[in-house]
Amino acid sequence: MIISIASGKGGTGKTTIATNMALSLGEDISLLDCDVEEPNAHLFLHPTITDKTPVSTFIPQVDEELCNGCKKCAEICRFSALAVVGQKVLIFQELCHSCEGCMEVCEENAITPSLRELGVLQSGNVGAMKFSDGRLRVGEAMSPPLIKAVRTKENDSNLTIIDAPPGTSCPVISAMKGVDFVLLVTEPTPFGLHDLRLAVEAVKVLGIPSGLVINRSDLGDEEVRKYAAAEGLEVLLEIPFERKIAEAYSQGIPIVEMFPEFKDKFQSLYQRIETIVEGEKVIK
């Protein structure tokens, strides 16, 4: 079972849900922090890191002696990562999406592969729990390849929980695609509702079953619940706004350590997710 925990916007409590669920469900679990631009699951779990692996991606390298300036490499690139000025090919590494199309169309074999380091994949453990996260290099914008590298660790356990990046762009899709269930986290505010709508539409496109957690549930209004009901999106858990929970969060203390009764709630949450996923399999 692979569960991706996502949100349309940052600050809704996505990492809170991911870490507390992982701590509540036993030992055969992997937690993958795929929010590689700002990973913070480690602040709550304090993992022992045993391996650090650099992650790189393809960028083209041009042999100017073989290049005839035909411009085919620049023409195929949808991201304008190459430009031909006279006989010289200019490469804008930060724009390259590593599709390798430029190599395919170069009849002179003037383009060969080179590598650009994106960041680091870290792996370790939290007791018996397996833990991995990605750390995107400062100034780097291309996070999906690093997210994919983190996700190579998702088959190490019976249950994998993915802490996805916020939003609905390419990095989020990389952290949700192919999972068994997407657990969306929101807050009952106009901003929360606006971005929840975007996240729900993204999940629909991917065709993945989903459910909703409402954090700080006693603030705001009822519009999020009305929207969820209209969409058939089941509210699986509500976490109230309490000062003690906020204080624990600010100190890097998981909710289930400060309030052990929440462990049962997260276990029930997972059991409901299992039921939904099994129901989807029967329908298919």
C-alpha atoms as a PDB file:
ATOM      1  CA  MET A   1       0.000   0.000   0.000  1.00  0.00           C
ATOM      2  CA  ILE A   2       1.328   3.414  -0.982  1.00  0.00           C
ATOM      3  CA  ILE A   3      -0.395   6.510   0.378  1.00  0.00           C
ATOM      4  CA  SER A   4       0.522   9.983  -0.811  1.00  0.00           C
ATOM      5  CA  ILE A   5      -0.388  12.807   1.554  1.00  0.00           C
ATOM      6  CA  ALA A   6      -0.902  16.004  -0.406  1.00  0.00           C
ATOM      7  CA  SER A   7      -2.408  19.466  -0.179  1.00  0.00           C
ATOM      8  CA  GLY A   8      -3.317  22.224  -2.583  1.00  0.00           C
ATOM      9  CA  LYS A   9      -1.336  24.752  -0.528  1.00  0.00           C
ATOM     10  CA  GLY A  10       1.449  24.784   2.016  1.00  0.00           C
ATOM     11  CA  GLY A  11       0.887  25.057   5.739  1.00  0.00           C
ATOM     12  CA  THR A  12      -2.217  22.884   5.990  1.00  0.00           C
ATOM     13  CA  GLY A  13      -0.594  20.205   8.166  1.00  0.00           C
ATOM     14  CA  LYS A  14       0.417  17.687   5.513  1.00  0.00           C
ATOM     15  CA  THR A  15       3.668  16.728   7.236  1.00  0.00           C
ATOM     16  CA  THR A  16       1.857  16.546  10.578  1.00  0.00           C
ATOM     17  CA  ILE A  17      -0.527  13.941   9.157  1.00  0.00           C
ATOM     18  CA  ALA A  18       2.235  11.985   7.412  1.00  0.00           C
ATOM     19  CA  THR A  19       4.538  11.714  10.418  1.00  0.00           C
ATOM     20  CA  ASN A  20       1.834  10.984  12.961  1.00  0.00           C
ATOM     21  CA  MET A  21       0.220   8.333  10.795  1.00  0.00           C
ATOM     22  CA  ALA A  22       3.593   6.658  10.302  1.00  0.00           C
ATOM     23  CA  LEU A  23       4.268   6.675  14.045  1.00  0.00           C
ATOM     24  CA  SER A  24       0.852   5.153  14.741  1.00  0.00           C
ATOM     25  CA  LEU A  25       0.946   2.143  12.436  1.00  0.00           C
ATOM     26  CA  GLY A  26       3.662  -0.224  13.604  1.00  0.00           C
ATOM     27  CA  GLU A  27       7.031  -1.205  12.216  1.00  0.00           C
ATOM     28  CA  ASP A  28       6.812  -2.341   8.563  1.00  0.00           C
ATOM     29  CA  ILE A  29       6.535   1.231   7.276  1.00  0.00           C
ATOM     30  CA  SER A  30       8.545   3.545   5.057  1.00  0.00           C
ATOM     31  CA  LEU A  31       8.102   7.300   5.222  1.00  0.00           C
ATOM     32  CA  LEU A  32       9.349   9.205   2.189  1.00  0.00           C
ATOM     33  CA  ASP A  33       9.613  12.972   2.432  1.00  0.00           C
ATOM     34  CA  CYS A  34       9.204  14.028  -1.207  1.00  0.00           C
ATOM     35  CA  ASP A  35       8.842  17.717  -0.393  1.00  0.00           C
ATOM     36  CA  VAL A  36      12.428  18.029  -1.575  1.00  0.00           C
ATOM     37  CA  GLU A  37      12.470  21.824  -1.731  1.00  0.00           C
ATOM     38  CA  GLU A  38      11.649  22.115   1.970  1.00  0.00           C
ATOM     39  CA  PRO A  39      11.772  18.672   3.661  1.00  0.00           C
ATOM     40  CA  ASN A  40      10.814  18.844   7.335  1.00  0.00           C
ATOM     41  CA  ALA A  41       9.577  15.386   8.359  1.00  0.00           C
ATOM     42  CA  HIS A  42      12.991  14.847   9.941  1.00  0.00           C
ATOM     43  CA  LEU A  43      12.243  17.608  12.451  1.00  0.00           C
ATOM     44  CA  PHE A  44       9.541  15.401  14.000  1.00  0.00           C
ATOM     45  CA  LEU A  45      11.047  11.954  13.466  1.00  0.00           C
ATOM     46  CA  HIS A  46      14.779  12.567  14.111  1.00  0.00           C
ATOM     47  CA  PRO A  47      15.937   9.746  11.813  1.00  0.00           C
ATOM     48  CA  THR A  48      19.340   8.128  11.886  1.00  0.00           C
ATOM     49  CA  ILE A  49      20.721   8.727   8.380  1.00  0.00           C
ATOM     50  CA  THR A  50      22.909   5.873   7.173  1.00  0.00           C
ATOM     51  CA  ASP A  51      23.255   6.686   3.470  1.00  0.00           C
ATOM     52  CA  LYS A  52      23.574   9.828   1.368  1.00  0.00           C
ATOM     53  CA  THR A  53      23.535   9.473  -2.416  1.00  0.00           C
ATOM     54  CA  PRO A  54      23.983  12.352  -4.896  1.00  0.00           C
ATOM     55  CA  VAL A  55      21.224  12.496  -7.516  1.00  0.00           C
ATOM     56  CA  SER A  56      21.996  13.835 -10.981  1.00  0.00           C
ATOM     57  CA  THR A  57      20.080  14.296 -14.206  1.00  0.00           C
ATOM     58  CA  PHE A  58      20.935  14.326 -17.906  1.00  0.00           C
ATOM     59  CA  ILE A  59      22.087  17.483 -19.642  1.00  0.00           C
ATOM     60  CA  PRO A  60      23.481  17.634 -23.180  1.00  0.00           C
ATOM     61  CA  GLN A  61      27.111  18.220 -24.017  1.00  0.00           C
ATOM     62  CA  VAL A  62      28.004  19.383 -27.524  1.00  0.00           C
ATOM     63  CA  ASP A  63      31.117  18.486 -29.475  1.00  0.00           C
ATOM     64  CA  GLU A  64      31.655  21.650 -31.515  1.00  0.00           C
ATOM     65  CA  GLU A  65      33.926  19.845 -33.977  1.00  0.00           C
ATOM     66  CA  LEU A  66      31.108  17.452 -34.948  1.00  0.00           C
ATOM     67  CA  CYS A  67      28.250  19.964 -34.805  1.00  0.00           C
ATOM     68  CA  ASN A  68      27.164  21.399 -38.167  1.00  0.00           C
ATOM     69  CA  GLY A  69      24.760  23.987 -36.746  1.00  0.00           C
ATOM     70  CA  CYS A  70      21.627  22.342 -38.177  1.00  0.00           C
ATOM     71  CA  LYS A  71      19.477  23.574 -35.229  1.00  0.00           C
ATOM     72  CA  LYS A  72      17.508  20.321 -34.943  1.00  0.00           C
ATOM     73  CA  CYS A  73      18.400  20.039 -31.264  1.00  0.00           C
ATOM     74  CA  ALA A  74      17.046  23.524 -30.547  1.00  0.00           C
ATOM     75  CA  GLU A  75      13.909  22.945 -32.595  1.00  0.00           C
ATOM     76  CA  ILE A  76      12.892  19.786 -30.727  1.00  0.00           C
ATOM     77  CA  CYS A  77      13.423  21.283 -27.262  1.00  0.00           C
ATOM     78  CA  ARG A  78      10.058  22.477 -25.908  1.00  0.00           C
ATOM     79  CA  PHE A  79      11.758  24.252 -23.018  1.00  0.00           C
ATOM     80  CA  SER A  80      14.253  26.346 -25.012  1.00  0.00           C
ATOM     81  CA  ALA A  81      17.195  24.766 -23.223  1.00  0.00           C
ATOM     82  CA  LEU A  82      19.271  24.965 -26.420  1.00  0.00           C
ATOM     83  CA  ALA A  83      19.838  27.789 -28.859  1.00  0.00           C
ATOM     84  CA  VAL A  84      22.054  27.880 -31.952  1.00  0.00           C
ATOM     85  CA  VAL A  85      23.928  31.065 -32.715  1.00  0.00           C
ATOM     86  CA  GLY A  86      25.916  30.699 -35.898  1.00  0.00           C
ATOM     87  CA  GLN A  87      27.777  27.418 -35.486  1.00  0.00           C
ATOM     88  CA  LYS A  88      27.693  27.465 -31.708  1.00  0.00           C
ATOM     89  CA  VAL A  89      25.098  25.667 -29.553  1.00  0.00           C
ATOM     90  CA  LEU A  90      24.250  27.433 -26.309  1.00  0.00           C
ATOM     91  CA  ILE A  91      22.972  25.207 -23.477  1.00  0.00           C
ATOM     92  CA  PHE A  92      20.849  26.582 -20.649  1.00  0.00           C
ATOM     93  CA  GLN A  93      21.180  23.807 -18.086  1.00  0.00           C
ATOM     94  CA  GLU A  94      18.479  25.063 -15.723  1.00  0.00           C
ATOM     95  CA  LEU A  95      15.853  24.830 -18.489  1.00  0.00           C
ATOM     96  CA  CYS A  96      16.716  21.261 -19.536  1.00  0.00           C
ATOM     97  CA  HIS A  97      14.061  18.659 -18.638  1.00  0.00           C
ATOM     98  CA  SER A  98      16.366  15.722 -19.428  1.00  0.00           C
ATOM     99  CA  CYS A  99      14.199  14.225 -22.184  1.00  0.00           C
ATOM    100  CA  GLU A 100      17.290  13.439 -24.315  1.00  0.00           C
ATOM    101  CA  GLY A 101      15.395  14.419 -27.468  1.00  0.00           C
ATOM    102  CA  CYS A 102      18.318  16.535 -28.624  1.00  0.00           C
ATOM    103  CA  MET A 103      20.529  13.433 -28.681  1.00  0.00           C
ATOM    104  CA  GLU A 104      17.943  11.506 -30.694  1.00  0.00           C
ATOM    105  CA  VAL A 105      17.674  14.065 -33.493  1.00  0.00           C
ATOM    106  CA  CYS A 106      21.377  14.871 -33.798  1.00  0.00           C
ATOM    107  CA  GLU A 107      22.477  13.077 -36.969  1.00  0.00           C
ATOM    108  CA  GLU A 108      26.100  14.090 -36.428  1.00  0.00           C
ATOM    109  CA  ASN A 109      26.283  12.438 -32.985  1.00  0.00           C
ATOM    110  CA  ALA A 110      27.604  15.750 -31.734  1.00  0.00           C
ATOM    111  CA  ILE A 111      25.534  15.589 -28.532  1.00  0.00           C
ATOM    112  CA  THR A 112      26.608  13.288 -25.727  1.00  0.00           C
ATOM    113  CA  PRO A 113      25.220  12.911 -22.219  1.00  0.00           C
ATOM    114  CA  SER A 114      26.557  14.824 -19.267  1.00  0.00           C
ATOM    115  CA  LEU A 115      25.230  15.155 -15.712  1.00  0.00           C
ATOM    116  CA  ARG A 116      24.019  17.977 -13.516  1.00  0.00           C
ATOM    117  CA  GLU A 117      23.711  17.323  -9.790  1.00  0.00           C
ATOM    118  CA  LEU A 118      20.223  18.039  -8.451  1.00  0.00           C
ATOM    119  CA  GLY A 119      20.575  17.196  -4.799  1.00  0.00           C
ATOM    120  CA  VAL A 120      20.961  14.367  -2.337  1.00  0.00           C
ATOM    121  CA  LEU A 121      18.875  11.304  -1.480  1.00  0.00           C
ATOM    122  CA  GLN A 122      19.153  10.476   2.222  1.00  0.00           C
ATOM    123  CA  SER A 123      18.075   7.174   3.737  1.00  0.00           C
ATOM    124  CA  GLY A 124      18.018   5.791   7.250  1.00  0.00           C
ATOM    125  CA  ASN A 125      15.598   4.737   9.923  1.00  0.00           C
ATOM    126  CA  VAL A 126      13.473   5.848  12.838  1.00  0.00           C
ATOM    127  CA  GLY A 127      13.627   2.785  15.040  1.00  0.00           C
ATOM    128  CA  ALA A 128      12.177   0.036  12.849  1.00  0.00           C
ATOM    129  CA  MET A 129      10.608   2.553  10.443  1.00  0.00           C
ATOM    130  CA  LYS A 130      12.494   3.200   7.200  1.00  0.00           C
ATOM    131  CA  PHE A 131      12.972   6.853   6.295  1.00  0.00           C
ATOM    132  CA  SER A 132      14.116   8.649   3.163  1.00  0.00           C
ATOM    133  CA  ASP A 133      14.068  12.241   2.002  1.00  0.00           C
ATOM    134  CA  GLY A 134      15.483  14.357  -0.796  1.00  0.00           C
ATOM    135  CA  ARG A 135      17.392  17.621  -0.424  1.00  0.00           C
ATOM    136  CA  LEU A 136      17.240  19.743  -3.558  1.00  0.00           C
ATOM    137  CA  ARG A 137      20.406  21.717  -4.284  1.00  0.00           C
ATOM    138  CA  VAL A 138      20.079  25.410  -3.436  1.00  0.00           C
ATOM    139  CA  GLY A 139      19.077  27.327  -6.545  1.00  0.00           C
ATOM    140  CA  GLU A 140      17.901  24.205  -8.377  1.00  0.00           C
ATOM    141  CA  ALA A 141      14.408  24.258  -9.887  1.00  0.00           C
ATOM    142  CA  MET A 142      14.135  20.737 -11.337  1.00  0.00           C
ATOM    143  CA  SER A 143      12.729  18.673  -8.462  1.00  0.00           C
ATOM    144  CA  PRO A 144      10.788  15.795 -10.186  1.00  0.00           C
ATOM    145  CA  PRO A 145      13.896  13.666 -10.926  1.00  0.00           C
ATOM    146  CA  LEU A 146      14.916  13.912  -7.261  1.00  0.00           C
ATOM    147  CA  ILE A 147      11.390  13.021  -6.148  1.00  0.00           C
ATOM    148  CA  LYS A 148      11.516   9.977  -8.407  1.00  0.00           C
ATOM    149  CA  ALA A 149      14.818   8.993  -6.810  1.00  0.00           C
ATOM    150  CA  VAL A 150      13.252   9.192  -3.341  1.00  0.00           C
ATOM    151  CA  ARG A 151      10.344   7.056  -4.554  1.00  0.00           C
ATOM    152  CA  THR A 152      12.686   4.219  -5.501  1.00  0.00           C
ATOM    153  CA  LYS A 153      12.542   3.440  -1.775  1.00  0.00           C
ATOM    154  CA  GLU A 154       8.773   2.907  -1.725  1.00  0.00           C
ATOM    155  CA  ASN A 155       8.834  -0.871  -2.069  1.00  0.00           C
ATOM    156  CA  ASP A 156      11.029  -1.445   0.979  1.00  0.00           C
ATOM    157  CA  SER A 157       8.024  -1.910   3.304  1.00  0.00           C
ATOM    158  CA  ASN A 158       4.460  -3.193   3.344  1.00  0.00           C
ATOM    159  CA  LEU A 159       3.176   0.375   3.786  1.00  0.00           C
ATOM    160  CA  THR A 160       4.751   3.492   2.287  1.00  0.00           C
ATOM    161  CA  ILE A 161       3.632   6.972   3.294  1.00  0.00           C
ATOM    162  CA  ILE A 162       4.709   9.782   0.975  1.00  0.00           C
ATOM    163  CA  ASP A 163       4.821  13.362   2.206  1.00  0.00           C
ATOM    164  CA  ALA A 164       4.191  15.143  -1.110  1.00  0.00           C
ATOM    165  CA  PRO A 165       5.099  18.724  -2.002  1.00  0.00           C
ATOM    166  CA  PRO A 166       2.299  21.295  -1.695  1.00  0.00           C
ATOM    167  CA  GLY A 167       0.413  22.586  -4.707  1.00  0.00           C
ATOM    168  CA  THR A 168      -0.668  20.941  -7.967  1.00  0.00           C
ATOM    169  CA  SER A 169       2.348  21.337 -10.251  1.00  0.00           C
ATOM    170  CA  CYS A 170       4.778  18.768 -11.699  1.00  0.00           C
ATOM    171  CA  PRO A 171       6.531  17.941  -8.385  1.00  0.00           C
ATOM    172  CA  VAL A 172       3.190  17.028  -6.787  1.00  0.00           C
ATOM    173  CA  ILE A 173       2.208  14.826  -9.715  1.00  0.00           C
ATOM    174  CA  SER A 174       5.577  13.067  -9.404  1.00  0.00           C
ATOM    175  CA  ALA A 175       4.771  12.305  -5.753  1.00  0.00           C
ATOM    176  CA  MET A 176       1.193  11.110  -6.436  1.00  0.00           C
ATOM    177  CA  LYS A 177       1.355   9.229  -9.725  1.00  0.00           C
ATOM    178  CA  GLY A 178       0.865   5.483  -9.342  1.00  0.00           C
ATOM    179  CA  VAL A 179       0.036   5.458  -5.620  1.00  0.00           C
ATOM    180  CA  ASP A 180      -2.910   3.529  -4.148  1.00  0.00           C
ATOM    181  CA  PHE A 181      -4.521   6.432  -2.319  1.00  0.00           C
ATOM    182  CA  VAL A 182      -4.167  10.201  -2.024  1.00  0.00           C
ATOM    183  CA  LEU A 183      -4.995  11.715   1.357  1.00  0.00           C
ATOM    184  CA  LEU A 184      -5.664  15.412   0.909  1.00  0.00           C
ATOM    185  CA  VAL A 185      -5.151  17.785   3.818  1.00  0.00           C
ATOM    186  CA  THR A 186      -6.873  21.158   4.015  1.00  0.00           C
ATOM    187  CA  GLU A 187      -8.144  23.786   6.407  1.00  0.00           C
ATOM    188  CA  PRO A 188     -11.657  25.297   6.510  1.00  0.00           C
ATOM    189  CA  THR A 189     -10.744  28.699   5.089  1.00  0.00           C
ATOM    190  CA  PRO A 190     -11.364  30.382   1.713  1.00  0.00           C
ATOM    191  CA  PHE A 191      -7.711  29.855   0.748  1.00  0.00           C
ATOM    192  CA  GLY A 192      -7.888  26.233   1.850  1.00  0.00           C
ATOM    193  CA  LEU A 193     -11.023  25.638  -0.225  1.00  0.00           C
ATOM    194  CA  HIS A 194      -9.611  27.344  -3.316  1.00  0.00           C
ATOM    195  CA  ASP A 195      -6.486  25.208  -3.362  1.00  0.00           C
ATOM    196  CA  LEU A 196      -8.360  22.054  -2.347  1.00  0.00           C
ATOM    197  CA  ARG A 197     -10.456  22.390  -5.514  1.00  0.00           C
ATOM    198  CA  LEU A 198      -7.267  22.416  -7.612  1.00  0.00           C
ATOM    199  CA  ALA A 199      -5.853  19.395  -5.775  1.00  0.00           C
ATOM    200  CA  VAL A 200      -9.075  17.403  -6.185  1.00  0.00           C
ATOM    201  CA  GLU A 201      -9.093  18.066  -9.936  1.00  0.00           C
ATOM    202  CA  ALA A 202      -5.485  16.863 -10.193  1.00  0.00           C
ATOM    203  CA  VAL A 203      -6.327  13.651  -8.351  1.00  0.00           C
ATOM    204  CA  LYS A 204      -9.322  13.101 -10.642  1.00  0.00           C
ATOM    205  CA  VAL A 205      -7.081  13.338 -13.696  1.00  0.00           C
ATOM    206  CA  LEU A 206      -4.786  10.691 -12.193  1.00  0.00           C
ATOM    207  CA  GLY A 207      -7.753   8.461 -11.354  1.00  0.00           C
ATOM    208  CA  ILE A 208      -6.611   7.717  -7.799  1.00  0.00           C
ATOM    209  CA  PRO A 209      -9.061   7.193  -4.892  1.00  0.00           C
ATOM    210  CA  SER A 210      -8.830   9.939  -2.307  1.00  0.00           C
ATOM    211  CA  GLY A 211     -10.099  11.192   1.026  1.00  0.00           C
ATOM    212  CA  LEU A 212      -9.841  14.339   3.104  1.00  0.00           C
ATOM    213  CA  VAL A 213      -8.391  15.433   6.428  1.00  0.00           C
ATOM    214  CA  ILE A 214      -9.518  18.801   7.789  1.00  0.00           C
ATOM    215  CA  ASN A 215      -6.897  20.340  10.046  1.00  0.00           C
ATOM    216  CA  ARG A 216      -7.765  23.131  12.486  1.00  0.00           C
ATOM    217  CA  SER A 217     -11.303  21.974  11.824  1.00  0.00           C
ATOM    218  CA  ASP A 218     -13.100  24.251  14.292  1.00  0.00           C
ATOM    219  CA  LEU A 219     -11.863  27.438  12.607  1.00  0.00           C
ATOM    220  CA  GLY A 220     -13.224  29.076   9.471  1.00  0.00           C
ATOM    221  CA  ASP A 221     -16.557  28.096   7.936  1.00  0.00           C
ATOM    222  CA  GLU A 222     -18.475  25.111   6.543  1.00  0.00           C
ATOM    223  CA  GLU A 223     -17.661  25.670   2.867  1.00  0.00           C
ATOM    224  CA  VAL A 224     -14.939  22.999   2.746  1.00  0.00           C
ATOM    225  CA  ARG A 225     -17.326  20.389   4.154  1.00  0.00           C
ATOM    226  CA  LYS A 226     -20.041  21.424   1.693  1.00  0.00           C
ATOM    227  CA  TYR A 227     -17.598  21.124  -1.193  1.00  0.00           C
ATOM    228  CA  ALA A 228     -16.381  17.709   0.010  1.00  0.00           C
ATOM    229  CA  ALA A 229     -19.973  16.453   0.270  1.00  0.00           C
ATOM    230  CA  ALA A 230     -20.799  17.706  -3.234  1.00  0.00           C
ATOM    231  CA  GLU A 231     -17.693  15.982  -4.645  1.00  0.00           C
ATOM    232  CA  GLY A 232     -18.265  12.736  -2.761  1.00  0.00           C
ATOM    233  CA  LEU A 233     -14.958  13.303  -0.984  1.00  0.00           C
ATOM    234  CA  GLU A 234     -15.126  11.594   2.384  1.00  0.00           C
ATOM    235  CA  VAL A 235     -13.828  13.493   5.400  1.00  0.00           C
ATOM    236  CA  LEU A 236     -11.746  10.815   7.102  1.00  0.00           C
ATOM    237  CA  LEU A 237     -10.364  12.808  10.020  1.00  0.00           C
ATOM    238  CA  GLU A 238     -10.752  16.204  11.628  1.00  0.00           C
ATOM    239  CA  ILE A 239      -8.100  17.685  13.893  1.00  0.00           C
ATOM    240  CA  PRO A 240      -9.276  20.620  16.031  1.00  0.00           C
ATOM    241  CA  PHE A 241      -7.329  23.807  16.568  1.00  0.00           C
ATOM    242  CA  GLU A 242      -5.859  23.503  20.068  1.00  0.00           C
ATOM    243  CA  ARG A 243      -3.085  25.549  21.569  1.00  0.00           C
ATOM    244  CA  LYS A 244      -1.356  22.470  23.010  1.00  0.00           C
ATOM    245  CA  ILE A 245      -1.225  20.809  19.589  1.00  0.00           C
ATOM    246  CA  ALA A 246       0.272  23.978  18.095  1.00  0.00           C
ATOM    247  CA  GLU A 247       2.824  24.159  20.916  1.00  0.00           C
ATOM    248  CA  ALA A 248       3.834  20.532  20.365  1.00  0.00           C
ATOM    249  CA  TYR A 249       4.219  21.194  16.631  1.00  0.00           C
ATOM    250  CA  SER A 250       6.393  24.249  17.247  1.00  0.00           C
ATOM    251  CA  GLN A 251       8.693  22.105  19.392  1.00  0.00           C
ATOM    252  CA  GLY A 252       8.909  19.272  16.859  1.00  0.00           C
ATOM    253  CA  ILE A 253       6.853  16.918  19.041  1.00  0.00           C
ATOM    254  CA  PRO A 254       4.445  14.601  17.156  1.00  0.00           C
ATOM    255  CA  ILE A 255       0.789  14.793  18.202  1.00  0.00           C
ATOM    256  CA  VAL A 256       0.685  11.089  19.105  1.00  0.00           C
ATOM    257  CA  GLU A 257       3.503  11.548  21.598  1.00  0.00           C
ATOM    258  CA  MET A 258       1.883  14.516  23.301  1.00  0.00           C
ATOM    259  CA  PHE A 259      -1.665  13.102  23.009  1.00  0.00           C
ATOM    260  CA  PRO A 260      -1.570   9.263  22.861  1.00  0.00           C
ATOM    261  CA  GLU A 261      -5.319   9.094  22.207  1.00  0.00           C
ATOM    262  CA  PHE A 262      -4.663  10.386  18.689  1.00  0.00           C
ATOM    263  CA  LYS A 263      -2.875   7.140  17.839  1.00  0.00           C
ATOM    264  CA  ASP A 264      -6.244   5.357  17.739  1.00  0.00           C
ATOM    265  CA  LYS A 265      -7.594   8.069  15.423  1.00  0.00           C
ATOM    266  CA  PHE A 266      -4.734   7.649  12.977  1.00  0.00           C
ATOM    267  CA  GLN A 267      -5.090   3.875  13.092  1.00  0.00           C
ATOM    268  CA  SER A 268      -8.810   4.205  12.324  1.00  0.00           C
ATOM    269  CA  LEU A 269      -7.927   6.595   9.506  1.00  0.00           C
ATOM    270  CA  TYR A 270      -5.651   3.996   7.945  1.00  0.00           C
ATOM    271  CA  GLN A 271      -8.218   1.231   8.349  1.00  0.00           C
ATOM    272  CA  ARG A 272     -10.779   3.344   6.497  1.00  0.00           C
ATOM    273  CA  ILE A 273      -8.270   3.993   3.720  1.00  0.00           C
ATOM    274  CA  GLU A 274      -7.686   0.249   3.414  1.00  0.00           C
ATOM    275  CA  THR A 275     -11.431  -0.316   3.093  1.00  0.00           C
ATOM    276  CA  ILE A 276     -11.763   2.346   0.374  1.00  0.00           C
ATOM    277  CA  VAL A 277      -8.821   0.967  -1.620  1.00  0.00           C
ATOM    278  CA  GLU A 278     -10.119  -2.600  -1.401  1.00  0.00           C
ATOM    279  CA  GLY A 279     -13.535  -1.376  -2.552  1.00  0.00           C
ATOM    280  CA  GLU A 280     -11.942   0.319  -5.562  1.00  0.00           C
ATOM    281  CA  LYS A 281     -10.153  -2.903  -6.480  1.00  0.00           C
ATOM    282  CA  VAL A 282     -13.447  -4.817  -6.382  1.00  0.00           C
ATOM    283  CA  ILE A 283     -15.134  -2.243  -8.639  1.00  0.00           C
ATOM    284  CA  LYS A 284     -12.297  -2.432 -11.156  1.00  0.00           C
END
